[in-house]
Every structure is written in structure tokens, then in C-alpha cells.
Amino acid sequence: MVDIGDTLDEAVAGHFTRPLPKSAQAQMRFLVRQLKSTRAVADLLGISQRTVERYVKGQLKRPRPDLAARLTAEARRRWQPRVRERARQRAATTDGIFVSTRARFGFTAAPGTTDDPRVRHVNQALPPEYAARLFAAQDAGATEQQLRTILAEGLGEMYFRDAGRRAQGLSVEFTDLEQLELDF
């Protein structure tokens, strides 16, 4: 299952100017600098404070897979906050967001139309207001379904209704998300 929130974070990561620290020691040091204590990092990652200290000193080098995933995710989430904010601001005010998706689309439309759901591959640029709505919802802690609804409204308006030039009564249903790539 594709997670829209994670895909938004990956799109932001494409704007980083420096690479994320690769080793567990470097990532742990970064988190300790950001959170100001080894106790806070230990609580964040669900490990002991002593384990954090061992990674910082280089006594431990290879975390188990679940810890490695949490460590990388938390480091990525805090990496280059000004670059992240600048990219999001530009997408929400001027550039918009580009969506490439493969999902099942169904429609509620007038009788006699082809409204049966089917899998489509859609590539569409969405205007900045949809990017702003996505970011605001993500920051407010929106659920995956709420993010999917915003994305469906944007794709319905720009791709299927062609910004109001056709199919005015068309209501788009966006389900079975197989693939999603976002770029801005």
C-alpha cells in the first residue's frame, strides 16, 4: 500500500542540498545534536540511552533492520529543515506539484456514461493550491484517507474535468492506489 504522506516526504528529500548521513554513527550523532540529549534520542527510537551512547562512540556499528529503518526515517525527517520548508513553500505558492499515479478511478456521472472503475495511469500537474492543501493537511496530522481525498479532488479537477472545461458533474473516486510519485 502506498502512503501519500511518505511520498510527500520523499519528494521533499529530492530537494536536499547535502546527502543524509549514511552510517548509523553519523545518523545517531546528528539526532543527538538535534534533540540535545541521548535520553531524548533513546526515547524517540525506543532503545536504551546506553545503546545510543555506544552508537555515538562507534562501539556499535550495525543496527538491526527495524532500528536502522527508524533511525534513517527520524534523521531524514529532521534533515535540512530550511531547505525542506523552502521547497514546500515554492510548491505551495508558485510551482505546484506533479503527480504520477497508477490507481483505480471510478466516477459518479450522468446515466449512459462509462463510469465503471478501472485502473489508469495518470500523469498530471496540479496547481499550487492543491500542494498547499496537501502540506497543510499533512502538518495538521491528517489521515491517509484525507490526503487521498485532496489528491483525488485535484486529479478530478485538473485531469478529468480539465479545470472546468468539461464533465462538470463528474465526481471522481480514487481507490486501489498501486503506484504514486510526487515531484515539485
N, C-alpha and C. Protein backbone atom coordinates (compact mmCIF):
# COMPACT_ATOMS: atom_id res chain seq x y z
N MET A 1 0.84 -1.18 0.00
CA MET A 1 0.00 0.00 0.00
C MET A 1 0.89 1.25 0.00
N VAL A 2 0.57 2.16 -0.85
CA VAL A 2 1.33 3.39 -1.00
C VAL A 2 0.83 4.41 0.03
N ASP A 3 1.76 5.05 0.71
CA ASP A 3 1.44 6.05 1.72
C ASP A 3 1.72 7.44 1.15
N ILE A 4 0.70 8.27 1.04
CA ILE A 4 0.84 9.59 0.44
C ILE A 4 1.74 10.48 1.28
N GLY A 5 1.63 10.40 2.60
CA GLY A 5 2.49 11.20 3.48
C GLY A 5 3.96 10.88 3.28
N ASP A 6 4.29 9.59 3.18
CA ASP A 6 5.68 9.19 2.94
C ASP A 6 6.15 9.64 1.56
N THR A 7 5.27 9.58 0.58
CA THR A 7 5.62 10.01 -0.77
C THR A 7 5.88 11.51 -0.81
N LEU A 8 5.12 12.29 -0.05
CA LEU A 8 5.39 13.73 0.05
C LEU A 8 6.76 13.99 0.67
N ASP A 9 7.09 13.22 1.71
CA ASP A 9 8.40 13.38 2.35
C ASP A 9 9.53 13.01 1.40
N GLU A 10 9.34 11.97 0.59
CA GLU A 10 10.36 11.57 -0.39
C GLU A 10 10.54 12.66 -1.45
N ALA A 11 9.45 13.30 -1.84
CA ALA A 11 9.55 14.37 -2.83
C ALA A 11 10.33 15.56 -2.27
N VAL A 12 10.12 15.86 -1.00
CA VAL A 12 10.87 16.94 -0.35
C VAL A 12 12.34 16.56 -0.26
N ALA A 13 12.62 15.29 0.03
CA ALA A 13 14.01 14.83 0.15
C ALA A 13 14.78 15.00 -1.16
N GLY A 14 14.08 15.04 -2.26
CA GLY A 14 14.74 15.26 -3.55
C GLY A 14 15.34 16.66 -3.68
N HIS A 15 14.99 17.56 -2.79
CA HIS A 15 15.49 18.94 -2.84
C HIS A 15 16.66 19.18 -1.89
N PHE A 16 17.06 18.15 -1.13
CA PHE A 16 18.17 18.33 -0.20
C PHE A 16 19.44 18.71 -0.96
N THR A 17 20.23 19.59 -0.36
CA THR A 17 21.46 20.05 -1.00
C THR A 17 22.67 19.23 -0.56
N ARG A 18 22.54 18.51 0.54
CA ARG A 18 23.61 17.63 1.03
C ARG A 18 23.00 16.26 1.29
N PRO A 19 23.79 15.21 1.12
CA PRO A 19 23.24 13.87 1.38
C PRO A 19 23.03 13.63 2.86
N LEU A 20 22.06 12.82 3.17
CA LEU A 20 21.77 12.40 4.53
C LEU A 20 22.94 11.57 5.05
N PRO A 21 23.32 11.69 6.33
CA PRO A 21 24.39 10.84 6.86
C PRO A 21 24.07 9.36 6.63
N LYS A 22 25.07 8.59 6.21
CA LYS A 22 24.82 7.20 5.83
C LYS A 22 25.03 6.22 6.97
N SER A 23 26.06 6.37 7.76
CA SER A 23 26.35 5.39 8.81
C SER A 23 25.44 5.61 10.01
N ALA A 24 25.26 4.53 10.76
CA ALA A 24 24.43 4.62 11.97
C ALA A 24 25.05 5.58 12.97
N GLN A 25 26.36 5.61 13.05
CA GLN A 25 27.03 6.51 13.99
C GLN A 25 26.76 7.97 13.61
N ALA A 26 26.90 8.30 12.34
CA ALA A 26 26.67 9.67 11.90
C ALA A 26 25.21 10.08 12.08
N GLN A 27 24.28 9.18 11.79
CA GLN A 27 22.87 9.49 11.97
C GLN A 27 22.55 9.69 13.45
N MET A 28 23.13 8.85 14.30
CA MET A 28 22.89 8.96 15.74
C MET A 28 23.47 10.28 16.27
N ARG A 29 24.66 10.64 15.83
CA ARG A 29 25.25 11.92 16.25
C ARG A 29 24.38 13.09 15.82
N PHE A 30 23.88 13.02 14.61
CA PHE A 30 23.00 14.08 14.11
C PHE A 30 21.75 14.21 14.99
N LEU A 31 21.12 13.08 15.31
CA LEU A 31 19.92 13.13 16.14
C LEU A 31 20.22 13.65 17.54
N VAL A 32 21.38 13.28 18.10
CA VAL A 32 21.75 13.78 19.42
C VAL A 32 21.95 15.29 19.37
N ARG A 33 22.57 15.80 18.31
CA ARG A 33 22.73 17.25 18.16
C ARG A 33 21.38 17.95 18.03
N GLN A 34 20.48 17.35 17.28
CA GLN A 34 19.17 17.96 17.07
C GLN A 34 18.31 17.96 18.33
N LEU A 35 18.30 16.85 19.05
CA LEU A 35 17.43 16.70 20.22
C LEU A 35 18.11 17.09 21.52
N LYS A 36 19.41 17.38 21.46
CA LYS A 36 20.18 17.90 22.59
C LYS A 36 20.47 16.91 23.71
N SER A 37 20.07 15.63 23.59
CA SER A 37 20.41 14.66 24.63
C SER A 37 20.27 13.23 24.11
N THR A 38 21.06 12.36 24.69
CA THR A 38 20.97 10.96 24.31
C THR A 38 19.68 10.33 24.85
N ARG A 39 19.17 10.83 25.95
CA ARG A 39 17.91 10.32 26.51
C ARG A 39 16.75 10.58 25.55
N ALA A 40 16.70 11.76 24.98
CA ALA A 40 15.62 12.10 24.05
C ALA A 40 15.69 11.21 22.80
N VAL A 41 16.89 10.96 22.31
CA VAL A 41 17.05 10.09 21.13
C VAL A 41 16.64 8.66 21.48
N ALA A 42 17.03 8.21 22.66
CA ALA A 42 16.66 6.86 23.09
C ALA A 42 15.15 6.71 23.18
N ASP A 43 14.48 7.70 23.74
CA ASP A 43 13.02 7.66 23.83
C ASP A 43 12.37 7.69 22.45
N LEU A 44 12.94 8.49 21.56
CA LEU A 44 12.42 8.60 20.19
C LEU A 44 12.52 7.28 19.45
N LEU A 45 13.65 6.59 19.59
CA LEU A 45 13.90 5.36 18.84
C LEU A 45 13.45 4.10 19.57
N GLY A 46 13.10 4.23 20.84
CA GLY A 46 12.65 3.07 21.60
C GLY A 46 13.79 2.14 22.00
N ILE A 47 14.95 2.70 22.29
CA ILE A 47 16.11 1.92 22.72
C ILE A 47 16.65 2.55 24.01
N SER A 48 17.67 1.93 24.59
CA SER A 48 18.21 2.45 25.84
C SER A 48 19.17 3.62 25.56
N GLN A 49 19.34 4.44 26.56
CA GLN A 49 20.26 5.57 26.45
C GLN A 49 21.68 5.06 26.24
N ARG A 50 22.04 3.98 26.90
CA ARG A 50 23.38 3.40 26.77
C ARG A 50 23.64 2.94 25.33
N THR A 51 22.63 2.40 24.67
CA THR A 51 22.78 1.97 23.27
C THR A 51 23.06 3.17 22.38
N VAL A 52 22.36 4.26 22.62
CA VAL A 52 22.61 5.49 21.86
C VAL A 52 24.05 5.94 22.07
N GLU A 53 24.51 5.93 23.30
CA GLU A 53 25.88 6.35 23.60
C GLU A 53 26.90 5.45 22.89
N ARG A 54 26.63 4.15 22.83
CA ARG A 54 27.53 3.23 22.14
C ARG A 54 27.60 3.52 20.64
N TYR A 55 26.46 3.85 20.02
CA TYR A 55 26.47 4.21 18.60
C TYR A 55 27.25 5.51 18.39
N VAL A 56 27.06 6.49 19.25
CA VAL A 56 27.75 7.78 19.12
C VAL A 56 29.27 7.58 19.23
N LYS A 57 29.70 6.72 20.14
CA LYS A 57 31.14 6.46 20.32
C LYS A 57 31.71 5.57 19.22
N GLY A 58 30.86 4.87 18.49
CA GLY A 58 31.35 3.97 17.45
C GLY A 58 31.56 2.56 17.94
N GLN A 59 31.13 2.24 19.15
CA GLN A 59 31.26 0.89 19.68
C GLN A 59 30.28 -0.07 19.01
N LEU A 60 29.13 0.42 18.64
CA LEU A 60 28.16 -0.35 17.85
C LEU A 60 28.12 0.27 16.46
N LYS A 61 28.07 -0.58 15.44
CA LYS A 61 28.13 -0.06 14.08
C LYS A 61 26.93 -0.43 13.21
N ARG A 62 26.40 -1.64 13.39
CA ARG A 62 25.32 -2.09 12.52
C ARG A 62 24.05 -2.36 13.32
N PRO A 63 23.07 -1.49 13.20
CA PRO A 63 21.81 -1.72 13.93
C PRO A 63 20.99 -2.81 13.26
N ARG A 64 20.12 -3.43 14.04
CA ARG A 64 19.20 -4.42 13.46
C ARG A 64 18.29 -3.70 12.47
N PRO A 65 17.70 -4.42 11.52
CA PRO A 65 16.95 -3.77 10.43
C PRO A 65 15.84 -2.82 10.88
N ASP A 66 15.07 -3.18 11.91
CA ASP A 66 13.98 -2.30 12.33
C ASP A 66 14.51 -1.01 12.95
N LEU A 67 15.59 -1.10 13.71
CA LEU A 67 16.21 0.10 14.29
C LEU A 67 16.85 0.96 13.20
N ALA A 68 17.48 0.31 12.23
CA ALA A 68 18.10 1.05 11.12
C ALA A 68 17.05 1.84 10.35
N ALA A 69 15.88 1.24 10.12
CA ALA A 69 14.81 1.93 9.40
C ALA A 69 14.29 3.13 10.21
N ARG A 70 14.08 2.94 11.52
CA ARG A 70 13.61 4.05 12.37
C ARG A 70 14.64 5.16 12.44
N LEU A 71 15.91 4.78 12.58
CA LEU A 71 16.99 5.76 12.67
C LEU A 71 17.08 6.60 11.40
N THR A 72 17.05 5.95 10.25
CA THR A 72 17.11 6.68 8.97
C THR A 72 15.89 7.57 8.79
N ALA A 73 14.71 7.06 9.14
CA ALA A 73 13.49 7.84 8.98
C ALA A 73 13.50 9.09 9.86
N GLU A 74 13.94 8.94 11.10
CA GLU A 74 13.97 10.10 12.00
C GLU A 74 15.03 11.11 11.58
N ALA A 75 16.18 10.63 11.11
CA ALA A 75 17.22 11.54 10.63
C ALA A 75 16.72 12.29 9.39
N ARG A 76 16.07 11.57 8.46
CA ARG A 76 15.55 12.20 7.24
C ARG A 76 14.48 13.23 7.58
N ARG A 77 13.65 12.94 8.57
CA ARG A 77 12.57 13.85 8.94
C ARG A 77 13.10 15.18 9.49
N ARG A 78 14.28 15.17 10.06
CA ARG A 78 14.86 16.38 10.66
C ARG A 78 15.96 16.99 9.82
N TRP A 79 16.32 16.38 8.70
CA TRP A 79 17.44 16.83 7.88
C TRP A 79 17.07 18.08 7.09
N GLN A 80 17.92 19.07 7.11
CA GLN A 80 17.80 20.33 6.38
C GLN A 80 16.38 20.93 6.42
N PRO A 81 15.96 21.40 7.58
CA PRO A 81 14.60 21.92 7.70
C PRO A 81 14.34 23.18 6.88
N ARG A 82 15.35 24.03 6.71
CA ARG A 82 15.13 25.25 5.91
C ARG A 82 14.99 24.92 4.43
N VAL A 83 15.79 23.97 3.94
CA VAL A 83 15.67 23.55 2.53
C VAL A 83 14.30 22.91 2.32
N ARG A 84 13.88 22.08 3.26
CA ARG A 84 12.58 21.43 3.19
C ARG A 84 11.45 22.46 3.14
N GLU A 85 11.51 23.44 4.02
CA GLU A 85 10.46 24.45 4.08
C GLU A 85 10.44 25.32 2.82
N ARG A 86 11.62 25.66 2.31
CA ARG A 86 11.69 26.46 1.09
C ARG A 86 11.09 25.72 -0.11
N ALA A 87 11.37 24.43 -0.23
CA ALA A 87 10.82 23.63 -1.34
C ALA A 87 9.30 23.52 -1.22
N ARG A 88 8.81 23.28 -0.01
CA ARG A 88 7.37 23.18 0.20
C ARG A 88 6.68 24.52 -0.08
N GLN A 89 7.30 25.61 0.34
CA GLN A 89 6.73 26.94 0.12
C GLN A 89 6.64 27.26 -1.37
N ARG A 90 7.69 26.92 -2.10
CA ARG A 90 7.69 27.18 -3.55
C ARG A 90 6.61 26.36 -4.25
N ALA A 91 6.45 25.09 -3.84
CA ALA A 91 5.41 24.25 -4.44
C ALA A 91 4.01 24.77 -4.10
N ALA A 92 3.84 25.28 -2.89
CA ALA A 92 2.52 25.74 -2.45
C ALA A 92 2.15 27.12 -2.97
N THR A 93 3.12 27.89 -3.47
CA THR A 93 2.81 29.25 -3.92
C THR A 93 2.99 29.45 -5.42
N THR A 94 3.98 28.80 -6.04
CA THR A 94 4.23 29.10 -7.46
C THR A 94 4.27 27.88 -8.37
N ASP A 95 4.96 26.83 -7.96
CA ASP A 95 5.24 25.71 -8.88
C ASP A 95 4.14 24.66 -8.95
N GLY A 96 3.48 24.39 -7.85
CA GLY A 96 2.51 23.31 -7.82
C GLY A 96 3.21 21.98 -7.61
N ILE A 97 2.50 20.91 -7.90
CA ILE A 97 3.01 19.57 -7.65
C ILE A 97 2.67 18.69 -8.85
N PHE A 98 3.59 17.79 -9.20
CA PHE A 98 3.37 16.88 -10.33
C PHE A 98 3.08 15.50 -9.78
N VAL A 99 1.99 14.89 -10.24
CA VAL A 99 1.54 13.59 -9.74
C VAL A 99 1.63 12.57 -10.87
N SER A 100 2.28 11.46 -10.58
CA SER A 100 2.30 10.31 -11.48
C SER A 100 1.76 9.14 -10.68
N THR A 101 0.62 8.61 -11.08
CA THR A 101 -0.03 7.56 -10.30
C THR A 101 -0.63 6.48 -11.17
N ARG A 102 -0.73 5.32 -10.59
CA ARG A 102 -1.47 4.21 -11.18
C ARG A 102 -2.45 3.77 -10.11
N ALA A 103 -3.73 3.99 -10.38
CA ALA A 103 -4.76 3.70 -9.39
C ALA A 103 -6.08 3.39 -10.09
N ARG A 104 -7.01 2.92 -9.31
CA ARG A 104 -8.35 2.65 -9.84
C ARG A 104 -9.19 3.90 -9.68
N PHE A 105 -9.72 4.36 -10.79
CA PHE A 105 -10.59 5.53 -10.79
C PHE A 105 -11.98 5.11 -11.20
N GLY A 106 -12.97 5.55 -10.43
CA GLY A 106 -14.36 5.33 -10.76
C GLY A 106 -15.07 6.67 -10.70
N PHE A 107 -16.24 6.75 -11.29
CA PHE A 107 -16.89 8.04 -11.42
C PHE A 107 -18.36 7.95 -11.07
N THR A 108 -18.88 9.05 -10.58
CA THR A 108 -20.31 9.22 -10.43
C THR A 108 -20.67 10.28 -11.45
N ALA A 109 -21.40 9.88 -12.46
CA ALA A 109 -21.69 10.80 -13.56
C ALA A 109 -23.11 10.54 -14.07
N ALA A 110 -23.47 11.25 -15.09
CA ALA A 110 -24.80 11.14 -15.69
C ALA A 110 -25.02 9.73 -16.24
N PRO A 111 -26.28 9.27 -16.28
CA PRO A 111 -26.58 7.95 -16.85
C PRO A 111 -26.14 7.88 -18.31
N GLY A 112 -25.70 6.68 -18.70
CA GLY A 112 -25.28 6.48 -20.08
C GLY A 112 -23.80 6.73 -20.31
N THR A 113 -23.07 7.08 -19.27
CA THR A 113 -21.64 7.31 -19.43
C THR A 113 -20.86 6.09 -18.94
N THR A 114 -19.61 6.04 -19.28
CA THR A 114 -18.76 4.92 -18.83
C THR A 114 -18.16 5.29 -17.48
N ASP A 115 -18.85 4.89 -16.42
CA ASP A 115 -18.39 5.25 -15.09
C ASP A 115 -17.87 4.06 -14.30
N ASP A 116 -17.67 2.93 -14.96
CA ASP A 116 -17.13 1.78 -14.25
C ASP A 116 -15.70 2.05 -13.85
N PRO A 117 -15.34 1.68 -12.62
CA PRO A 117 -13.96 1.91 -12.17
C PRO A 117 -12.98 1.06 -12.98
N ARG A 118 -11.83 1.64 -13.29
CA ARG A 118 -10.77 0.89 -13.96
C ARG A 118 -9.43 1.50 -13.59
N VAL A 119 -8.40 0.70 -13.72
CA VAL A 119 -7.06 1.15 -13.38
C VAL A 119 -6.55 2.05 -14.50
N ARG A 120 -6.04 3.20 -14.11
CA ARG A 120 -5.49 4.16 -15.07
C ARG A 120 -4.13 4.61 -14.59
N HIS A 121 -3.29 4.93 -15.53
CA HIS A 121 -2.01 5.57 -15.22
C HIS A 121 -2.17 7.04 -15.60
N VAL A 122 -2.05 7.90 -14.60
CA VAL A 122 -2.29 9.33 -14.80
C VAL A 122 -1.05 10.12 -14.43
N ASN A 123 -0.60 10.98 -15.33
CA ASN A 123 0.47 11.95 -15.07
C ASN A 123 -0.16 13.33 -15.20
N GLN A 124 -0.13 14.10 -14.11
CA GLN A 124 -0.81 15.39 -14.14
C GLN A 124 -0.14 16.38 -13.21
N ALA A 125 0.01 17.60 -13.68
CA ALA A 125 0.50 18.70 -12.84
C ALA A 125 -0.71 19.31 -12.13
N LEU A 126 -0.58 19.50 -10.83
CA LEU A 126 -1.64 20.13 -10.05
C LEU A 126 -1.20 21.53 -9.67
N PRO A 127 -2.12 22.49 -9.64
CA PRO A 127 -1.77 23.87 -9.29
C PRO A 127 -1.35 23.99 -7.82
N PRO A 128 -0.72 25.11 -7.47
CA PRO A 128 -0.19 25.30 -6.12
C PRO A 128 -1.22 25.17 -5.00
N GLU A 129 -2.48 25.49 -5.24
CA GLU A 129 -3.45 25.42 -4.15
C GLU A 129 -3.64 23.98 -3.65
N TYR A 130 -3.51 22.98 -4.53
CA TYR A 130 -3.62 21.59 -4.08
C TYR A 130 -2.37 21.18 -3.30
N ALA A 131 -1.20 21.66 -3.71
CA ALA A 131 0.02 21.39 -2.95
C ALA A 131 -0.09 22.01 -1.56
N ALA A 132 -0.59 23.24 -1.49
CA ALA A 132 -0.75 23.91 -0.20
C ALA A 132 -1.73 23.14 0.69
N ARG A 133 -2.82 22.65 0.12
CA ARG A 133 -3.78 21.88 0.90
C ARG A 133 -3.17 20.57 1.40
N LEU A 134 -2.40 19.89 0.55
CA LEU A 134 -1.74 18.65 0.97
C LEU A 134 -0.77 18.90 2.12
N PHE A 135 0.06 19.93 2.00
CA PHE A 135 1.03 20.23 3.05
C PHE A 135 0.35 20.64 4.34
N ALA A 136 -0.69 21.45 4.24
CA ALA A 136 -1.41 21.89 5.44
C ALA A 136 -2.06 20.70 6.14
N ALA A 137 -2.64 19.81 5.36
CA ALA A 137 -3.28 18.62 5.94
C ALA A 137 -2.23 17.71 6.58
N GLN A 138 -1.11 17.54 5.92
CA GLN A 138 -0.05 16.70 6.47
C GLN A 138 0.48 17.28 7.79
N ASP A 139 0.68 18.59 7.82
CA ASP A 139 1.17 19.24 9.04
C ASP A 139 0.15 19.16 10.17
N ALA A 140 -1.14 19.14 9.83
CA ALA A 140 -2.19 19.06 10.84
C ALA A 140 -2.43 17.63 11.31
N GLY A 141 -1.69 16.67 10.74
CA GLY A 141 -1.83 15.28 11.15
C GLY A 141 -2.99 14.56 10.49
N ALA A 142 -3.28 14.91 9.25
CA ALA A 142 -4.39 14.29 8.53
C ALA A 142 -4.14 12.80 8.31
N THR A 143 -5.22 12.07 8.21
CA THR A 143 -5.13 10.64 7.94
C THR A 143 -4.80 10.42 6.46
N GLU A 144 -4.44 9.20 6.15
CA GLU A 144 -4.13 8.83 4.77
C GLU A 144 -5.35 9.05 3.88
N GLN A 145 -6.53 8.75 4.38
CA GLN A 145 -7.76 8.92 3.60
C GLN A 145 -8.02 10.40 3.29
N GLN A 146 -7.73 11.28 4.23
CA GLN A 146 -7.92 12.71 3.99
C GLN A 146 -6.94 13.21 2.92
N LEU A 147 -5.69 12.75 2.98
CA LEU A 147 -4.72 13.13 1.95
C LEU A 147 -5.14 12.59 0.59
N ARG A 148 -5.66 11.37 0.58
CA ARG A 148 -6.12 10.76 -0.67
C ARG A 148 -7.30 11.54 -1.26
N THR A 149 -8.18 12.04 -0.39
CA THR A 149 -9.33 12.83 -0.85
C THR A 149 -8.87 14.13 -1.52
N ILE A 150 -7.89 14.80 -0.93
CA ILE A 150 -7.35 16.03 -1.51
C ILE A 150 -6.72 15.74 -2.86
N LEU A 151 -5.95 14.66 -2.94
CA LEU A 151 -5.31 14.29 -4.20
C LEU A 151 -6.36 13.93 -5.25
N ALA A 152 -7.41 13.23 -4.85
CA ALA A 152 -8.49 12.86 -5.78
C ALA A 152 -9.22 14.11 -6.30
N GLU A 153 -9.45 15.08 -5.42
CA GLU A 153 -10.09 16.33 -5.86
C GLU A 153 -9.23 17.04 -6.89
N GLY A 154 -7.93 17.09 -6.64
CA GLY A 154 -7.02 17.75 -7.58
C GLY A 154 -6.96 17.04 -8.92
N LEU A 155 -6.85 15.72 -8.89
CA LEU A 155 -6.81 14.96 -10.15
C LEU A 155 -8.15 15.05 -10.87
N GLY A 156 -9.25 15.02 -10.11
CA GLY A 156 -10.57 15.14 -10.73
C GLY A 156 -10.74 16.48 -11.42
N GLU A 157 -10.30 17.53 -10.76
CA GLU A 157 -10.44 18.87 -11.34
C GLU A 157 -9.55 19.09 -12.54
N MET A 158 -8.29 18.72 -12.43
CA MET A 158 -7.33 19.05 -13.50
C MET A 158 -7.29 18.01 -14.62
N TYR A 159 -7.40 16.74 -14.32
CA TYR A 159 -7.28 15.71 -15.35
C TYR A 159 -8.63 15.37 -15.97
N PHE A 160 -9.60 15.06 -15.14
CA PHE A 160 -10.87 14.57 -15.66
C PHE A 160 -11.83 15.70 -16.06
N ARG A 161 -11.86 16.79 -15.29
CA ARG A 161 -12.76 17.91 -15.63
C ARG A 161 -12.05 19.01 -16.38
N ASP A 162 -10.75 18.86 -16.59
CA ASP A 162 -9.94 19.81 -17.37
C ASP A 162 -10.17 21.25 -16.90
N ALA A 163 -10.02 21.47 -15.61
CA ALA A 163 -10.15 22.79 -14.98
C ALA A 163 -11.50 23.44 -15.28
N GLY A 164 -12.55 22.63 -15.31
CA GLY A 164 -13.90 23.14 -15.51
C GLY A 164 -14.35 23.23 -16.95
N ARG A 165 -13.55 22.78 -17.90
CA ARG A 165 -13.92 22.89 -19.32
C ARG A 165 -14.77 21.73 -19.81
N ARG A 166 -14.86 20.64 -19.02
CA ARG A 166 -15.68 19.50 -19.44
C ARG A 166 -16.13 18.72 -18.21
N ALA A 167 -17.13 17.88 -18.38
CA ALA A 167 -17.63 16.95 -17.36
C ALA A 167 -17.84 17.63 -16.02
N GLN A 168 -18.63 18.70 -16.00
CA GLN A 168 -18.81 19.48 -14.79
C GLN A 168 -19.41 18.68 -13.64
N GLY A 169 -20.29 17.74 -13.89
CA GLY A 169 -20.94 17.00 -12.81
C GLY A 169 -20.19 15.76 -12.36
N LEU A 170 -19.00 15.54 -12.88
CA LEU A 170 -18.24 14.33 -12.61
C LEU A 170 -17.64 14.34 -11.21
N SER A 171 -17.88 13.27 -10.46
CA SER A 171 -17.29 13.10 -9.14
C SER A 171 -16.34 11.91 -9.21
N VAL A 172 -15.09 12.11 -8.84
CA VAL A 172 -14.05 11.10 -9.01
C VAL A 172 -13.85 10.31 -7.72
N GLU A 173 -13.78 8.98 -7.85
CA GLU A 173 -13.43 8.09 -6.74
C GLU A 173 -12.03 7.54 -7.01
N PHE A 174 -11.17 7.63 -6.03
CA PHE A 174 -9.75 7.31 -6.15
C PHE A 174 -9.44 6.16 -5.19
N THR A 175 -9.33 4.93 -5.70
CA THR A 175 -9.11 3.77 -4.84
C THR A 175 -7.99 2.89 -5.40
N ASP A 176 -7.62 1.88 -4.65
CA ASP A 176 -6.60 0.90 -5.06
C ASP A 176 -5.35 1.56 -5.62
N LEU A 177 -4.75 2.41 -4.84
CA LEU A 177 -3.54 3.12 -5.23
C LEU A 177 -2.39 2.13 -5.35
N GLU A 178 -1.91 1.89 -6.56
CA GLU A 178 -0.84 0.92 -6.80
C GLU A 178 0.53 1.58 -6.81
N GLN A 179 0.61 2.75 -7.39
CA GLN A 179 1.89 3.44 -7.55
C GLN A 179 1.63 4.94 -7.46
N LEU A 180 2.54 5.66 -6.80
CA LEU A 180 2.41 7.11 -6.69
C LEU A 180 3.79 7.73 -6.62
N GLU A 181 4.01 8.71 -7.45
CA GLU A 181 5.23 9.52 -7.39
C GLU A 181 4.81 10.98 -7.41
N LEU A 182 5.40 11.76 -6.52
CA LEU A 182 5.12 13.18 -6.47
C LEU A 182 6.42 13.93 -6.68
N ASP A 183 6.34 15.06 -7.34
CA ASP A 183 7.51 15.89 -7.57
C ASP A 183 7.08 17.35 -7.59
N PHE A 184 7.95 18.19 -7.10
CA PHE A 184 7.68 19.64 -7.15
C PHE A 184 8.96 20.39 -7.22
